[in-house]
N, C-alpha and C. Protein backbone atom coordinates (compact mmCIF):
# COMPACT_ATOMS: atom_id res chain seq x y z
N MET A 1 -13.63 -16.76 -12.54
CA MET A 1 -12.18 -16.17 -12.17
C MET A 1 -11.39 -16.85 -13.33
N PRO A 2 -11.36 -15.56 -13.90
CA PRO A 2 -9.92 -15.09 -14.82
C PRO A 2 -8.09 -16.83 -14.17
N LYS A 3 -7.85 -16.83 -15.19
CA LYS A 3 -6.30 -16.97 -14.19
C LYS A 3 -4.92 -16.20 -14.62
N ILE A 4 -4.73 -16.45 -12.95
CA ILE A 4 -3.94 -14.65 -13.05
C ILE A 4 -2.52 -15.57 -13.33
N ASP A 5 -1.77 -15.49 -14.34
CA ASP A 5 -0.51 -15.59 -14.20
C ASP A 5 1.02 -15.08 -13.61
N ILE A 6 1.10 -15.34 -13.21
CA ILE A 6 2.34 -14.21 -12.59
C ILE A 6 3.59 -15.15 -11.41
N LYS A 7 4.46 -14.67 -12.51
CA LYS A 7 5.87 -16.34 -12.56
C LYS A 7 7.07 -15.04 -11.64
N ASN A 8 7.89 -16.42 -10.83
CA ASN A 8 8.33 -15.81 -9.52
C ASN A 8 10.13 -15.45 -10.13
N ARG A 9 10.31 -13.88 -9.96
CA ARG A 9 10.35 -13.64 -10.76
C ARG A 9 11.77 -12.40 -9.63
N ASP A 10 12.72 -12.50 -9.87
CA ASP A 10 13.28 -10.56 -8.97
C ASP A 10 13.43 -9.64 -9.57
N ASN A 11 12.32 -9.03 -9.67
CA ASN A 11 12.05 -7.97 -10.18
C ASN A 11 11.28 -6.70 -8.73
N ILE A 12 12.42 -5.89 -8.57
CA ILE A 12 11.45 -4.78 -7.24
C ILE A 12 10.83 -4.38 -7.33
N LYS A 13 10.61 -3.59 -8.93
CA LYS A 13 10.02 -2.90 -9.64
C LYS A 13 8.22 -2.99 -9.78
N GLU A 14 8.31 -4.94 -9.61
CA GLU A 14 6.93 -5.03 -8.79
C GLU A 14 6.60 -5.52 -8.51
N ALA A 15 7.49 -5.45 -8.01
CA ALA A 15 6.98 -5.91 -6.40
C ALA A 15 6.71 -4.60 -5.45
N VAL A 16 7.05 -3.37 -5.96
CA VAL A 16 6.52 -2.56 -5.12
C VAL A 16 5.41 -2.37 -5.78
N HIS A 17 5.16 -1.87 -7.32
CA HIS A 17 4.03 -2.20 -8.17
C HIS A 17 2.54 -3.39 -7.03
N GLY A 18 3.21 -3.91 -6.69
CA GLY A 18 1.73 -4.94 -5.91
C GLY A 18 1.84 -4.23 -4.53
N LEU A 19 3.13 -4.10 -4.44
CA LEU A 19 2.64 -2.63 -2.75
C LEU A 19 1.60 -2.07 -3.04
N ASP A 20 2.23 -1.11 -3.99
CA ASP A 20 1.04 -0.35 -4.36
C ASP A 20 -0.61 -0.60 -4.44
N ILE A 21 -0.59 -1.94 -5.26
CA ILE A 21 -1.65 -2.18 -5.40
C ILE A 21 -2.66 -2.58 -4.23
N PHE A 22 -1.82 -3.33 -2.98
CA PHE A 22 -2.20 -3.51 -1.63
C PHE A 22 -2.66 -1.75 -0.97
N THR A 23 -2.00 -1.01 -1.04
CA THR A 23 -2.22 0.02 -0.34
C THR A 23 -3.96 0.27 -1.34
N LYS A 24 -3.80 0.24 -2.24
CA LYS A 24 -4.95 1.37 -3.45
C LYS A 24 -6.43 -0.39 -2.49
N ASN A 25 -5.83 -0.66 -2.38
CA ASN A 25 -7.03 -1.72 -2.16
C ASN A 25 -7.53 -2.12 -0.68
N TRP A 26 -6.80 -1.51 -0.13
CA TRP A 26 -6.76 -1.95 1.93
C TRP A 26 -6.57 -0.87 2.35
N CYS A 27 -5.22 -0.28 2.64
CA CYS A 27 -4.89 1.19 3.73
C CYS A 27 -6.56 1.96 3.17
N MET A 28 -7.11 2.36 2.72
CA MET A 28 -8.54 3.79 2.90
C MET A 28 -9.31 2.87 2.76
N ASN A 29 -9.76 3.45 4.25
CA ASN A 29 -11.71 2.60 4.44
C ASN A 29 -12.53 3.04 3.08
N CYS A 30 -13.04 2.82 1.56
CA CYS A 30 -13.03 3.59 0.97
C CYS A 30 -14.88 4.34 1.61
N ALA A 31 -15.88 2.97 1.79
CA ALA A 31 -17.42 2.96 2.70
C ALA A 31 -16.85 4.66 3.68
N GLU A 32 -16.38 3.78 4.44
CA GLU A 32 -16.35 5.23 6.04
C GLU A 32 -15.71 6.16 5.40
N THR A 33 -14.76 6.48 4.50
CA THR A 33 -13.99 8.23 3.75
C THR A 33 -15.57 8.80 3.07
N GLU A 34 -16.83 8.19 2.54
CA GLU A 34 -16.81 8.39 1.73
C GLU A 34 -19.10 8.64 3.21
N LYS A 35 -18.80 8.36 3.53
CA LYS A 35 -19.70 8.02 4.54
C LYS A 35 -19.17 10.06 5.53
N LYS A 36 -17.93 9.79 5.74
CA LYS A 36 -17.68 10.73 6.13
C LYS A 36 -16.88 11.62 5.72
N ASN A 37 -17.25 11.30 4.22
CA ASN A 37 -16.93 12.39 3.73
C ASN A 37 -15.54 13.47 4.51
N ASP A 38 -14.98 12.49 4.51
CA ASP A 38 -12.76 12.71 4.96
C ASP A 38 -12.42 11.79 4.76
N LEU A 39 -11.86 11.21 4.59
CA LEU A 39 -9.77 10.20 4.62
C LEU A 39 -10.00 9.52 5.99
N VAL A 40 -10.98 7.68 5.98
CA VAL A 40 -10.48 7.26 7.24
C VAL A 40 -9.65 6.65 6.23
N PHE A 41 -8.45 6.38 7.27
CA PHE A 41 -7.72 5.01 7.36
C PHE A 41 -7.66 3.31 7.98
N ASN A 42 -7.02 2.55 7.45
CA ASN A 42 -7.36 1.14 8.61
C ASN A 42 -6.30 1.11 8.69
N CYS A 43 -4.59 2.70 8.95
CA CYS A 43 -4.09 1.62 9.75
C CYS A 43 -3.67 1.55 10.97
N GLY A 44 -4.79 1.33 11.42
CA GLY A 44 -4.63 0.58 13.60
C GLY A 44 -5.29 -0.61 13.51
N LYS A 45 -5.30 -1.99 12.50
CA LYS A 45 -5.80 -2.54 12.52
C LYS A 45 -4.77 -3.61 11.76
N CYS A 46 -4.25 -2.70 10.78
CA CYS A 46 -3.43 -3.03 9.82
C CYS A 46 -1.81 -3.44 9.86
N GLU A 47 -1.41 -5.64 10.45
CA GLU A 47 -0.68 -6.09 10.56
C GLU A 47 0.62 -5.44 9.77
N PHE A 48 1.43 -4.18 9.57
CA PHE A 48 2.16 -3.49 8.73
C PHE A 48 2.16 -2.26 9.11
N SER A 49 1.63 -1.64 10.16
CA SER A 49 1.90 -0.21 10.99
C SER A 49 3.32 -0.63 12.15
N THR A 50 4.03 -0.23 12.50
CA THR A 50 4.13 -0.21 13.84
C THR A 50 4.20 0.34 15.01
N GLU A 51 4.81 -0.23 16.08
CA GLU A 51 4.12 0.13 17.16
C GLU A 51 4.14 2.18 17.02
N ASN A 52 5.32 2.73 16.32
CA ASN A 52 5.21 4.26 16.90
C ASN A 52 4.58 4.67 15.44
N GLY A 53 3.73 4.17 15.24
CA GLY A 53 2.58 4.87 13.92
C GLY A 53 2.81 4.55 12.87
N GLY A 54 4.40 4.14 12.30
CA GLY A 54 4.69 4.24 11.09
C GLY A 54 4.24 2.25 10.24
N CYS A 55 4.54 3.02 9.11
CA CYS A 55 4.02 1.46 8.26
C CYS A 55 5.42 1.47 6.86
N LEU A 56 5.03 -0.55 7.68
CA LEU A 56 6.32 -1.32 6.88
C LEU A 56 6.28 -1.34 5.35
N LEU A 57 5.47 -1.17 5.09
CA LEU A 57 4.77 -1.19 3.19
C LEU A 57 5.69 0.82 2.80
N LYS A 58 5.01 1.07 3.17
CA LYS A 58 6.15 2.64 3.08
C LYS A 58 7.31 2.60 2.99
N HIS A 59 8.02 1.82 3.82
CA HIS A 59 8.77 1.73 4.33
C HIS A 59 9.56 0.81 3.32
N PHE A 60 9.96 -0.19 3.49
CA PHE A 60 9.90 -0.66 2.73
C PHE A 60 10.44 -0.50 1.05
N ALA A 61 9.01 0.03 0.56
CA ALA A 61 8.99 1.14 -1.01
C ALA A 61 9.69 1.83 -1.40
N ASN A 62 10.43 2.79 0.09
CA ASN A 62 10.99 4.03 0.04
C ASN A 62 12.49 3.49 0.51
N SER A 63 13.09 2.72 1.04
CA SER A 63 14.28 2.24 0.87
C SER A 63 15.13 1.13 -0.53
N HIS A 64 14.01 0.99 -0.83
CA HIS A 64 15.14 -0.09 -2.19
C HIS A 64 15.09 0.45 -3.25
N LYS A 65 15.42 0.48 -4.21
CA LYS A 65 16.48 1.29 -5.02
C LYS A 65 15.12 0.73 -6.33
N HIS A 66 14.71 1.41 -6.92
CA HIS A 66 13.48 0.87 -7.57
C HIS A 66 12.98 1.80 -9.02
N ASP A 67 12.50 1.65 -9.63
CA ASP A 67 11.92 2.84 -10.85
C ASP A 67 11.12 3.30 -11.08
N TYR A 68 9.63 2.39 -9.87
CA TYR A 68 8.78 2.44 -9.85
C TYR A 68 7.90 3.74 -9.61
N PRO A 69 7.08 4.15 -10.17
CA PRO A 69 6.64 6.17 -9.94
C PRO A 69 6.72 6.42 -8.67
N MET A 70 6.92 6.98 -7.46
CA MET A 70 6.42 6.84 -5.47
C MET A 70 5.96 7.79 -5.71
N SER A 71 5.54 8.55 -6.64
CA SER A 71 4.42 9.92 -6.67
C SER A 71 2.95 9.54 -7.42
N ASN A 72 3.33 7.91 -7.10
CA ASN A 72 1.39 7.35 -7.44
C ASN A 72 1.13 6.28 -6.63
N PHE A 73 2.25 5.79 -5.00
CA PHE A 73 1.91 4.77 -4.66
C PHE A 73 0.60 5.64 -3.61
N GLY A 74 0.67 4.39 -3.62
CA GLY A 74 -0.46 3.92 -1.87
C GLY A 74 -2.24 4.97 -2.30
N SER A 75 -2.29 4.34 -1.39
CA SER A 75 -3.95 5.63 -0.94
C SER A 75 -3.79 4.72 1.18
N MET A 76 -3.21 6.08 1.92
CA MET A 76 -2.43 5.33 2.51
C MET A 76 -2.20 6.87 3.26
N GLY A 77 -2.64 6.83 5.26
CA GLY A 77 -3.06 8.51 5.97
C GLY A 77 -1.19 8.53 5.87
N ALA A 78 -0.90 9.38 6.72
CA ALA A 78 0.40 9.86 6.61
C ALA A 78 1.61 8.74 7.75
N GLN A 79 0.97 8.48 8.34
CA GLN A 79 1.85 7.01 9.12
C GLN A 79 3.39 6.57 7.81
């Protein structure tokens, strides 16, 4: 496994980028989506889903000032 050199720093753009990477690797259930030929998301079993169906990852990304391209953010359901 290659060594990943990530340093601690105050960089909100990279923090949102990290959330974007997470969503693209967790939020959509790719196997079920392919099998059903329809989008299937993991929101029901996600620790970042709120009681009212919201998403804390989206909330964080949308409520902080940064210059990350939000048009590319996430791979997730409407929650």
